[in-house]
Amino acid sequence: MPKRRPDHIPTRTCAVCRTARPKREMDRLVRSQDGLVHHDPTGRLAGRGTYICHEPACREPERAAPAVKRALGAELAPGTLEPEVNHAAT
């Protein structure tokens, strides 16, 4: 029996550079009910979320802070953009 649809790869758009990439290649930031922005390694935390790619330019706080504020309506806390896992090895 054939598959219902071809292999589907969900894509998301980076809040900083506006480039669409596969969801697994991006990091999710989420604004929780308390108004704080957290890194979401599982991609399942409740709250409004946005995605940032692994490009070094998109990790610069000067570029990322306004984009995250626009997307989530909350200020970016220092250290939030630090990745939980070393992505250069993957």
PDB file of N, CA and C in Angstrom:
ATOM      1  N   MET A   1       0.837  -1.180   0.000  1.00  0.00           N
ATOM      2  CA  MET A   1       0.000   0.000   0.000  1.00  0.00           C
ATOM      3  C   MET A   1       0.887   1.251   0.000  1.00  0.00           C
ATOM      4  N   PRO A   2       0.644   2.192  -0.909  1.00  0.00           N
ATOM      5  CA  PRO A   2       1.491   3.386  -0.998  1.00  0.00           C
ATOM      6  C   PRO A   2       1.251   4.325   0.190  1.00  0.00           C
ATOM      7  N   LYS A   3       2.247   5.161   0.439  1.00  0.00           N
ATOM      8  CA  LYS A   3       2.110   6.158   1.497  1.00  0.00           C
ATOM      9  C   LYS A   3       1.025   7.150   1.130  1.00  0.00           C
ATOM     10  N   ARG A   4       0.432   7.734   2.152  1.00  0.00           N
ATOM     11  CA  ARG A   4      -0.607   8.731   1.909  1.00  0.00           C
ATOM     12  C   ARG A   4      -0.035   9.984   1.260  1.00  0.00           C
ATOM     13  N   ARG A   5       1.131  10.383   1.722  1.00  0.00           N
ATOM     14  CA  ARG A   5       1.783  11.548   1.142  1.00  0.00           C
ATOM     15  C   ARG A   5       3.292  11.345   1.229  1.00  0.00           C
ATOM     16  N   PRO A   6       4.040  12.039   0.415  1.00  0.00           N
ATOM     17  CA  PRO A   6       5.503  11.885   0.476  1.00  0.00           C
ATOM     18  C   PRO A   6       6.027  12.366   1.826  1.00  0.00           C
ATOM     19  N   ASP A   7       7.275  12.031   2.108  1.00  0.00           N
ATOM     20  CA  ASP A   7       7.880  12.449   3.363  1.00  0.00           C
ATOM     21  C   ASP A   7       7.730  13.957   3.531  1.00  0.00           C
ATOM     22  N   HIS A   8       7.030  14.324   4.569  1.00  0.00           N
ATOM     23  CA  HIS A   8       6.761  15.733   4.839  1.00  0.00           C
ATOM     24  C   HIS A   8       7.792  16.264   5.820  1.00  0.00           C
ATOM     25  N   ILE A   9       8.435  17.358   5.474  1.00  0.00           N
ATOM     26  CA  ILE A   9       9.399  17.997   6.357  1.00  0.00           C
ATOM     27  C   ILE A   9       8.854  19.374   6.705  1.00  0.00           C
ATOM     28  N   PRO A  10       8.432  19.576   7.965  1.00  0.00           N
ATOM     29  CA  PRO A  10       7.893  20.878   8.336  1.00  0.00           C
ATOM     30  C   PRO A  10       8.971  21.960   8.288  1.00  0.00           C
ATOM     31  N   THR A  11       8.605  23.129   7.813  1.00  0.00           N
ATOM     32  CA  THR A  11       9.537  24.244   7.744  1.00  0.00           C
ATOM     33  C   THR A  11       9.051  25.376   8.629  1.00  0.00           C
ATOM     34  N   ARG A  12       9.993  26.173   9.099  1.00  0.00           N
ATOM     35  CA  ARG A  12       9.705  27.354   9.901  1.00  0.00           C
ATOM     36  C   ARG A  12      10.580  28.489   9.374  1.00  0.00           C
ATOM     37  N   THR A  13      10.176  29.714   9.650  1.00  0.00           N
ATOM     38  CA  THR A  13      10.897  30.887   9.203  1.00  0.00           C
ATOM     39  C   THR A  13      11.655  31.503  10.371  1.00  0.00           C
ATOM     40  N   CYS A  14      12.911  31.810  10.155  1.00  0.00           N
ATOM     41  CA  CYS A  14      13.738  32.447  11.176  1.00  0.00           C
ATOM     42  C   CYS A  14      13.204  33.859  11.426  1.00  0.00           C
ATOM     43  N   ALA A  15      13.059  34.229  12.691  1.00  0.00           N
ATOM     44  CA  ALA A  15      12.544  35.553  13.052  1.00  0.00           C
ATOM     45  C   ALA A  15      13.524  36.657  12.695  1.00  0.00           C
ATOM     46  N   VAL A  16      14.801  36.327  12.563  1.00  0.00           N
ATOM     47  CA  VAL A  16      15.818  37.348  12.321  1.00  0.00           C
ATOM     48  C   VAL A  16      16.075  37.527  10.828  1.00  0.00           C
ATOM     49  N   CYS A  17      16.461  36.456  10.128  1.00  0.00           N
ATOM     50  CA  CYS A  17      16.830  36.574   8.714  1.00  0.00           C
ATOM     51  C   CYS A  17      15.679  36.263   7.763  1.00  0.00           C
ATOM     52  N   ARG A  18      14.564  35.781   8.297  1.00  0.00           N
ATOM     53  CA  ARG A  18      13.349  35.479   7.517  1.00  0.00           C
ATOM     54  C   ARG A  18      13.576  34.400   6.470  1.00  0.00           C
ATOM     55  N   THR A  19      14.495  33.473   6.714  1.00  0.00           N
ATOM     56  CA  THR A  19      14.773  32.361   5.817  1.00  0.00           C
ATOM     57  C   THR A  19      14.014  31.132   6.297  1.00  0.00           C
ATOM     58  N   ALA A  20      13.332  30.449   5.395  1.00  0.00           N
ATOM     59  CA  ALA A  20      12.609  29.230   5.745  1.00  0.00           C
ATOM     60  C   ALA A  20      13.576  28.056   5.719  1.00  0.00           C
ATOM     61  N   ARG A  21      13.557  27.278   6.793  1.00  0.00           N
ATOM     62  CA  ARG A  21      14.428  26.105   6.932  1.00  0.00           C
ATOM     63  C   ARG A  21      13.625  24.988   7.579  1.00  0.00           C
ATOM     64  N   PRO A  22      14.130  23.752   7.500  1.00  0.00           N
ATOM     65  CA  PRO A  22      13.452  22.655   8.208  1.00  0.00           C
ATOM     66  C   PRO A  22      13.393  22.941   9.714  1.00  0.00           C
ATOM     67  N   LYS A  23      12.291  22.575  10.320  1.00  0.00           N
ATOM     68  CA  LYS A  23      12.053  22.849  11.732  1.00  0.00           C
ATOM     69  C   LYS A  23      13.155  22.284  12.630  1.00  0.00           C
ATOM     70  N   ARG A  24      13.686  21.119  12.294  1.00  0.00           N
ATOM     71  CA  ARG A  24      14.713  20.477  13.113  1.00  0.00           C
ATOM     72  C   ARG A  24      16.041  21.230  13.101  1.00  0.00           C
ATOM     73  N   GLU A  25      16.237  22.117  12.136  1.00  0.00           N
ATOM     74  CA  GLU A  25      17.476  22.874  12.033  1.00  0.00           C
ATOM     75  C   GLU A  25      17.390  24.223  12.729  1.00  0.00           C
ATOM     76  N   MET A  26      16.332  24.447  13.492  1.00  0.00           N
ATOM     77  CA  MET A  26      16.126  25.744  14.128  1.00  0.00           C
ATOM     78  C   MET A  26      15.890  25.569  15.627  1.00  0.00           C
ATOM     79  N   ASP A  27      16.101  26.637  16.367  1.00  0.00           N
ATOM     80  CA  ASP A  27      15.839  26.642  17.798  1.00  0.00           C
ATOM     81  C   ASP A  27      14.563  27.447  18.058  1.00  0.00           C
ATOM     82  N   ARG A  28      13.751  26.942  18.959  1.00  0.00           N
ATOM     83  CA  ARG A  28      12.496  27.612  19.291  1.00  0.00           C
ATOM     84  C   ARG A  28      12.665  28.420  20.561  1.00  0.00           C
ATOM     85  N   LEU A  29      12.156  29.645  20.520  1.00  0.00           N
ATOM     86  CA  LEU A  29      12.059  30.491  21.696  1.00  0.00           C
ATOM     87  C   LEU A  29      10.584  30.653  21.989  1.00  0.00           C
ATOM     88  N   VAL A  30      10.212  30.610  23.255  1.00  0.00           N
ATOM     89  CA  VAL A  30       8.803  30.667  23.620  1.00  0.00           C
ATOM     90  C   VAL A  30       8.590  31.702  24.720  1.00  0.00           C
ATOM     91  N   ARG A  31       7.496  32.450  24.597  1.00  0.00           N
ATOM     92  CA  ARG A  31       7.081  33.380  25.642  1.00  0.00           C
ATOM     93  C   ARG A  31       6.045  32.672  26.495  1.00  0.00           C
ATOM     94  N   SER A  32       6.374  32.479  27.758  1.00  0.00           N
ATOM     95  CA  SER A  32       5.465  31.774  28.659  1.00  0.00           C
ATOM     96  C   SER A  32       4.414  32.744  29.199  1.00  0.00           C
ATOM     97  N   GLN A  33       3.496  32.231  29.990  1.00  0.00           N
ATOM     98  CA  GLN A  33       2.423  33.063  30.532  1.00  0.00           C
ATOM     99  C   GLN A  33       2.940  34.160  31.448  1.00  0.00           C
ATOM    100  N   ASP A  34       4.087  33.938  32.071  1.00  0.00           N
ATOM    101  CA  ASP A  34       4.650  34.961  32.941  1.00  0.00           C
ATOM    102  C   ASP A  34       5.354  36.076  32.168  1.00  0.00           C
ATOM    103  N   GLY A  35       5.397  35.968  30.829  1.00  0.00           N
ATOM    104  CA  GLY A  35       5.958  37.010  29.984  1.00  0.00           C
ATOM    105  C   GLY A  35       7.445  36.883  29.720  1.00  0.00           C
ATOM    106  N   LEU A  36       8.084  35.847  30.238  1.00  0.00           N
ATOM    107  CA  LEU A  36       9.510  35.649  30.016  1.00  0.00           C
ATOM    108  C   LEU A  36       9.749  34.800  28.771  1.00  0.00           C
ATOM    109  N   VAL A  37      10.869  35.053  28.110  1.00  0.00           N
ATOM    110  CA  VAL A  37      11.234  34.293  26.918  1.00  0.00           C
ATOM    111  C   VAL A  37      12.225  33.212  27.335  1.00  0.00           C
ATOM    112  N   HIS A  38      11.917  31.965  26.956  1.00  0.00           N
ATOM    113  CA  HIS A  38      12.739  30.819  27.306  1.00  0.00           C
ATOM    114  C   HIS A  38      13.154  30.074  26.052  1.00  0.00           C
ATOM    115  N   HIS A  39      14.285  29.405  26.113  1.00  0.00           N
ATOM    116  CA  HIS A  39      14.721  28.492  25.052  1.00  0.00           C
ATOM    117  C   HIS A  39      13.919  27.207  25.212  1.00  0.00           C
ATOM    118  N   ASP A  40      13.375  26.689  24.122  1.00  0.00           N
ATOM    119  CA  ASP A  40      12.540  25.492  24.167  1.00  0.00           C
ATOM    120  C   ASP A  40      13.202  24.368  23.379  1.00  0.00           C
ATOM    121  N   PRO A  41      14.026  23.545  24.021  1.00  0.00           N
ATOM    122  CA  PRO A  41      14.717  22.481  23.281  1.00  0.00           C
ATOM    123  C   PRO A  41      13.789  21.385  22.788  1.00  0.00           C
ATOM    124  N   THR A  42      12.643  21.181  23.441  1.00  0.00           N
ATOM    125  CA  THR A  42      11.727  20.121  23.023  1.00  0.00           C
ATOM    126  C   THR A  42      10.779  20.575  21.929  1.00  0.00           C
ATOM    127  N   GLY A  43      10.530  21.869  21.828  1.00  0.00           N
ATOM    128  CA  GLY A  43       9.581  22.384  20.847  1.00  0.00           C
ATOM    129  C   GLY A  43       8.141  22.174  21.257  1.00  0.00           C
ATOM    130  N   ARG A  44       7.893  21.876  22.527  1.00  0.00           N
ATOM    131  CA  ARG A  44       6.550  21.559  22.984  1.00  0.00           C
ATOM    132  C   ARG A  44       6.071  22.404  24.160  1.00  0.00           C
ATOM    133  N   LEU A  45       6.867  23.357  24.604  1.00  0.00           N
ATOM    134  CA  LEU A  45       6.424  24.177  25.730  1.00  0.00           C
ATOM    135  C   LEU A  45       5.225  25.021  25.322  1.00  0.00           C
ATOM    136  N   ALA A  46       4.336  25.239  26.277  1.00  0.00           N
ATOM    137  CA  ALA A  46       3.147  26.047  26.024  1.00  0.00           C
ATOM    138  C   ALA A  46       3.536  27.515  25.936  1.00  0.00           C
ATOM    139  N   GLY A  47       2.895  28.236  25.060  1.00  0.00           N
ATOM    140  CA  GLY A  47       3.139  29.663  24.909  1.00  0.00           C
ATOM    141  C   GLY A  47       3.398  30.018  23.462  1.00  0.00           C
ATOM    142  N   ARG A  48       3.498  31.302  23.225  1.00  0.00           N
ATOM    143  CA  ARG A  48       3.754  31.790  21.869  1.00  0.00           C
ATOM    144  C   ARG A  48       5.216  31.558  21.534  1.00  0.00           C
ATOM    145  N   GLY A  49       5.479  31.011  20.374  1.00  0.00           N
ATOM    146  CA  GLY A  49       6.845  30.675  20.008  1.00  0.00           C
ATOM    147  C   GLY A  49       7.291  31.297  18.706  1.00  0.00           C
ATOM    148  N   THR A  50       8.596  31.355  18.542  1.00  0.00           N
ATOM    149  CA  THR A  50       9.215  31.788  17.299  1.00  0.00           C
ATOM    150  C   THR A  50      10.499  30.987  17.131  1.00  0.00           C
ATOM    151  N   TYR A  51      11.051  30.999  15.942  1.00  0.00           N
ATOM    152  CA  TYR A  51      12.221  30.188  15.636  1.00  0.00           C
ATOM    153  C   TYR A  51      13.384  31.063  15.200  1.00  0.00           C
ATOM    154  N   ILE A  52      14.601  30.619  15.560  1.00  0.00           N
ATOM    155  CA  ILE A  52      15.828  31.285  15.150  1.00  0.00           C
ATOM    156  C   ILE A  52      16.762  30.216  14.606  1.00  0.00           C
ATOM    157  N   CYS A  53      17.380  30.509  13.441  1.00  0.00           N
ATOM    158  CA  CYS A  53      18.279  29.531  12.826  1.00  0.00           C
ATOM    159  C   CYS A  53      19.638  29.548  13.522  1.00  0.00           C
ATOM    160  N   HIS A  54      20.530  28.671  13.102  1.00  0.00           N
ATOM    161  CA  HIS A  54      21.827  28.514  13.744  1.00  0.00           C
ATOM    162  C   HIS A  54      22.915  29.387  13.138  1.00  0.00           C
ATOM    163  N   GLU A  55      22.568  30.277  12.230  1.00  0.00           N
ATOM    164  CA  GLU A  55      23.558  31.177  11.636  1.00  0.00           C
ATOM    165  C   GLU A  55      24.111  32.111  12.714  1.00  0.00           C
ATOM    166  N   PRO A  56      25.422  32.318  12.747  1.00  0.00           N
ATOM    167  CA  PRO A  56      26.000  33.199  13.768  1.00  0.00           C
ATOM    168  C   PRO A  56      25.436  34.616  13.733  1.00  0.00           C
ATOM    169  N   ALA A  57      25.130  35.134  12.558  1.00  0.00           N
ATOM    170  CA  ALA A  57      24.589  36.485  12.462  1.00  0.00           C
ATOM    171  C   ALA A  57      23.215  36.585  13.128  1.00  0.00           C
ATOM    172  N   CYS A  58      22.449  35.509  13.094  1.00  0.00           N
ATOM    173  CA  CYS A  58      21.122  35.519  13.709  1.00  0.00           C
ATOM    174  C   CYS A  58      21.196  35.364  15.223  1.00  0.00           C
ATOM    175  N   ARG A  59      22.342  34.983  15.739  1.00  0.00           N
ATOM    176  CA  ARG A  59      22.539  34.808  17.183  1.00  0.00           C
ATOM    177  C   ARG A  59      23.057  36.065  17.863  1.00  0.00           C
ATOM    178  N   GLU A  60      23.434  37.083  17.074  1.00  0.00           N
ATOM    179  CA  GLU A  60      23.930  38.325  17.651  1.00  0.00           C
ATOM    180  C   GLU A  60      22.786  39.040  18.367  1.00  0.00           C
ATOM    181  N   PRO A  61      22.966  39.383  19.624  1.00  0.00           N
ATOM    182  CA  PRO A  61      21.882  40.021  20.383  1.00  0.00           C
ATOM    183  C   PRO A  61      21.366  41.322  19.756  1.00  0.00           C
ATOM    184  N   GLU A  62      22.251  42.074  19.082  1.00  0.00           N
ATOM    185  CA  GLU A  62      21.812  43.330  18.459  1.00  0.00           C
ATOM    186  C   GLU A  62      20.780  43.092  17.364  1.00  0.00           C
ATOM    187  N   ARG A  63      20.921  41.997  16.629  1.00  0.00           N
ATOM    188  CA  ARG A  63      19.973  41.674  15.552  1.00  0.00           C
ATOM    189  C   ARG A  63      18.792  40.870  16.054  1.00  0.00           C
ATOM    190  N   ALA A  64      19.034  39.970  17.007  1.00  0.00           N
ATOM    191  CA  ALA A  64      17.985  39.055  17.440  1.00  0.00           C
ATOM    192  C   ALA A  64      16.974  39.709  18.378  1.00  0.00           C
ATOM    193  N   ALA A  65      17.416  40.606  19.239  1.00  0.00           N
ATOM    194  CA  ALA A  65      16.518  41.192  20.237  1.00  0.00           C
ATOM    195  C   ALA A  65      15.322  41.905  19.607  1.00  0.00           C
ATOM    196  N   PRO A  66      15.519  42.772  18.597  1.00  0.00           N
ATOM    197  CA  PRO A  66      14.341  43.418  17.994  1.00  0.00           C
ATOM    198  C   PRO A  66      13.422  42.428  17.271  1.00  0.00           C
ATOM    199  N   ALA A  67      14.009  41.409  16.651  1.00  0.00           N
ATOM    200  CA  ALA A  67      13.199  40.420  15.929  1.00  0.00           C
ATOM    201  C   ALA A  67      12.354  39.596  16.891  1.00  0.00           C
ATOM    202  N   VAL A  68      12.942  39.199  18.013  1.00  0.00           N
ATOM    203  CA  VAL A  68      12.194  38.423  19.011  1.00  0.00           C
ATOM    204  C   VAL A  68      11.129  39.293  19.663  1.00  0.00           C
ATOM    205  N   LYS A  69      11.452  40.549  19.919  1.00  0.00           N
ATOM    206  CA  LYS A  69      10.458  41.461  20.504  1.00  0.00           C
ATOM    207  C   LYS A  69       9.274  41.642  19.546  1.00  0.00           C
ATOM    208  N   ARG A  70       9.564  41.750  18.259  1.00  0.00           N
ATOM    209  CA  ARG A  70       8.501  41.891  17.256  1.00  0.00           C
ATOM    210  C   ARG A  70       7.641  40.620  17.193  1.00  0.00           C
ATOM    211  N   ALA A  71       8.290  39.462  17.246  1.00  0.00           N
ATOM    212  CA  ALA A  71       7.570  38.199  17.100  1.00  0.00           C
ATOM    213  C   ALA A  71       6.802  37.801  18.354  1.00  0.00           C
ATOM    214  N   LEU A  72       7.388  38.047  19.520  1.00  0.00           N
ATOM    215  CA  LEU A  72       6.787  37.563  20.761  1.00  0.00           C
ATOM    216  C   LEU A  72       6.203  38.666  21.636  1.00  0.00           C
ATOM    217  N   GLY A  73       6.549  39.900  21.371  1.00  0.00           N
ATOM    218  CA  GLY A  73       6.055  40.987  22.187  1.00  0.00           C
ATOM    219  C   GLY A  73       6.667  41.007  23.578  1.00  0.00           C
ATOM    220  N   ALA A  74       7.888  40.485  23.700  1.00  0.00           N
ATOM    221  CA  ALA A  74       8.562  40.441  24.997  1.00  0.00           C
ATOM    222  C   ALA A  74      10.045  40.685  24.784  1.00  0.00           C
ATOM    223  N   GLU A  75      10.688  41.211  25.818  1.00  0.00           N
ATOM    224  CA  GLU A  75      12.122  41.466  25.760  1.00  0.00           C
ATOM    225  C   GLU A  75      12.902  40.163  25.871  1.00  0.00           C
ATOM    226  N   LEU A  76      14.014  40.094  25.203  1.00  0.00           N
ATOM    227  CA  LEU A  76      14.886  38.930  25.221  1.00  0.00           C
ATOM    228  C   LEU A  76      15.851  39.049  26.394  1.00  0.00           C
ATOM    229  N   ALA A  77      15.850  38.068  27.275  1.00  0.00           N
ATOM    230  CA  ALA A  77      16.744  38.075  28.428  1.00  0.00           C
ATOM    231  C   ALA A  77      18.154  37.713  27.997  1.00  0.00           C
ATOM    232  N   PRO A  78      19.176  38.255  28.661  1.00  0.00           N
ATOM    233  CA  PRO A  78      20.557  37.889  28.316  1.00  0.00           C
ATOM    234  C   PRO A  78      20.781  36.391  28.507  1.00  0.00           C
ATOM    235  N   GLY A  79      21.484  35.785  27.564  1.00  0.00           N
ATOM    236  CA  GLY A  79      21.778  34.357  27.653  1.00  0.00           C
ATOM    237  C   GLY A  79      20.732  33.454  27.032  1.00  0.00           C
ATOM    238  N   THR A  80      19.609  34.000  26.592  1.00  0.00           N
ATOM    239  CA  THR A  80      18.553  33.175  26.004  1.00  0.00           C
ATOM    240  C   THR A  80      18.987  32.596  24.659  1.00  0.00           C
ATOM    241  N   LEU A  81      19.805  33.304  23.923  1.00  0.00           N
ATOM    242  CA  LEU A  81      20.229  32.848  22.600  1.00  0.00           C
ATOM    243  C   LEU A  81      21.336  31.818  22.647  1.00  0.00           C
ATOM    244  N   GLU A  82      21.893  31.573  23.813  1.00  0.00           N
ATOM    245  CA  GLU A  82      22.944  30.568  23.921  1.00  0.00           C
ATOM    246  C   GLU A  82      22.332  29.192  23.681  1.00  0.00           C
ATOM    247  N   PRO A  83      22.819  28.436  22.706  1.00  0.00           N
ATOM    248  CA  PRO A  83      22.232  27.127  22.425  1.00  0.00           C
ATOM    249  C   PRO A  83      22.497  26.139  23.555  1.00  0.00           C
ATOM    250  N   GLU A  84      21.539  25.256  23.771  1.00  0.00           N
ATOM    251  CA  GLU A  84      21.654  24.227  24.796  1.00  0.00           C
ATOM    252  C   GLU A  84      22.649  23.152  24.378  1.00  0.00           C
ATOM    253  N   VAL A  85      22.725  22.903  23.063  1.00  0.00           N
ATOM    254  CA  VAL A  85      23.564  21.843  22.512  1.00  0.00           C
ATOM    255  C   VAL A  85      24.510  22.483  21.514  1.00  0.00           C
ATOM    256  N   ASN A  86      25.705  21.916  21.369  1.00  0.00           N
ATOM    257  CA  ASN A  86      26.654  22.394  20.372  1.00  0.00           C
ATOM    258  C   ASN A  86      26.189  21.928  18.999  1.00  0.00           C
ATOM    259  N   HIS A  87      25.686  22.853  18.166  1.00  0.00           N
ATOM    260  CA  HIS A  87      25.133  22.492  16.854  1.00  0.00           C
ATOM    261  C   HIS A  87      26.221  22.337  15.806  1.00  0.00           C
ATOM    262  N   ALA A  88      27.426  22.803  16.067  1.00  0.00           N
ATOM    263  CA  ALA A  88      28.493  22.684  15.086  1.00  0.00           C
ATOM    264  C   ALA A  88      28.919  21.233  14.911  1.00  0.00           C
ATOM    265  N   ALA A  89      28.715  20.411  15.927  1.00  0.00           N
ATOM    266  CA  ALA A  89      29.119  19.008  15.845  1.00  0.00           C
ATOM    267  C   ALA A  89      28.096  18.156  15.123  1.00  0.00           C
ATOM    268  N   THR A  90      26.873  18.645  14.944  1.00  0.00           N
ATOM    269  CA  THR A  90      25.828  17.846  14.294  1.00  0.00           C
ATOM    270  C   THR A  90      25.745  18.111  12.827  1.00  0.00           C
TER     271      THR A  90
END
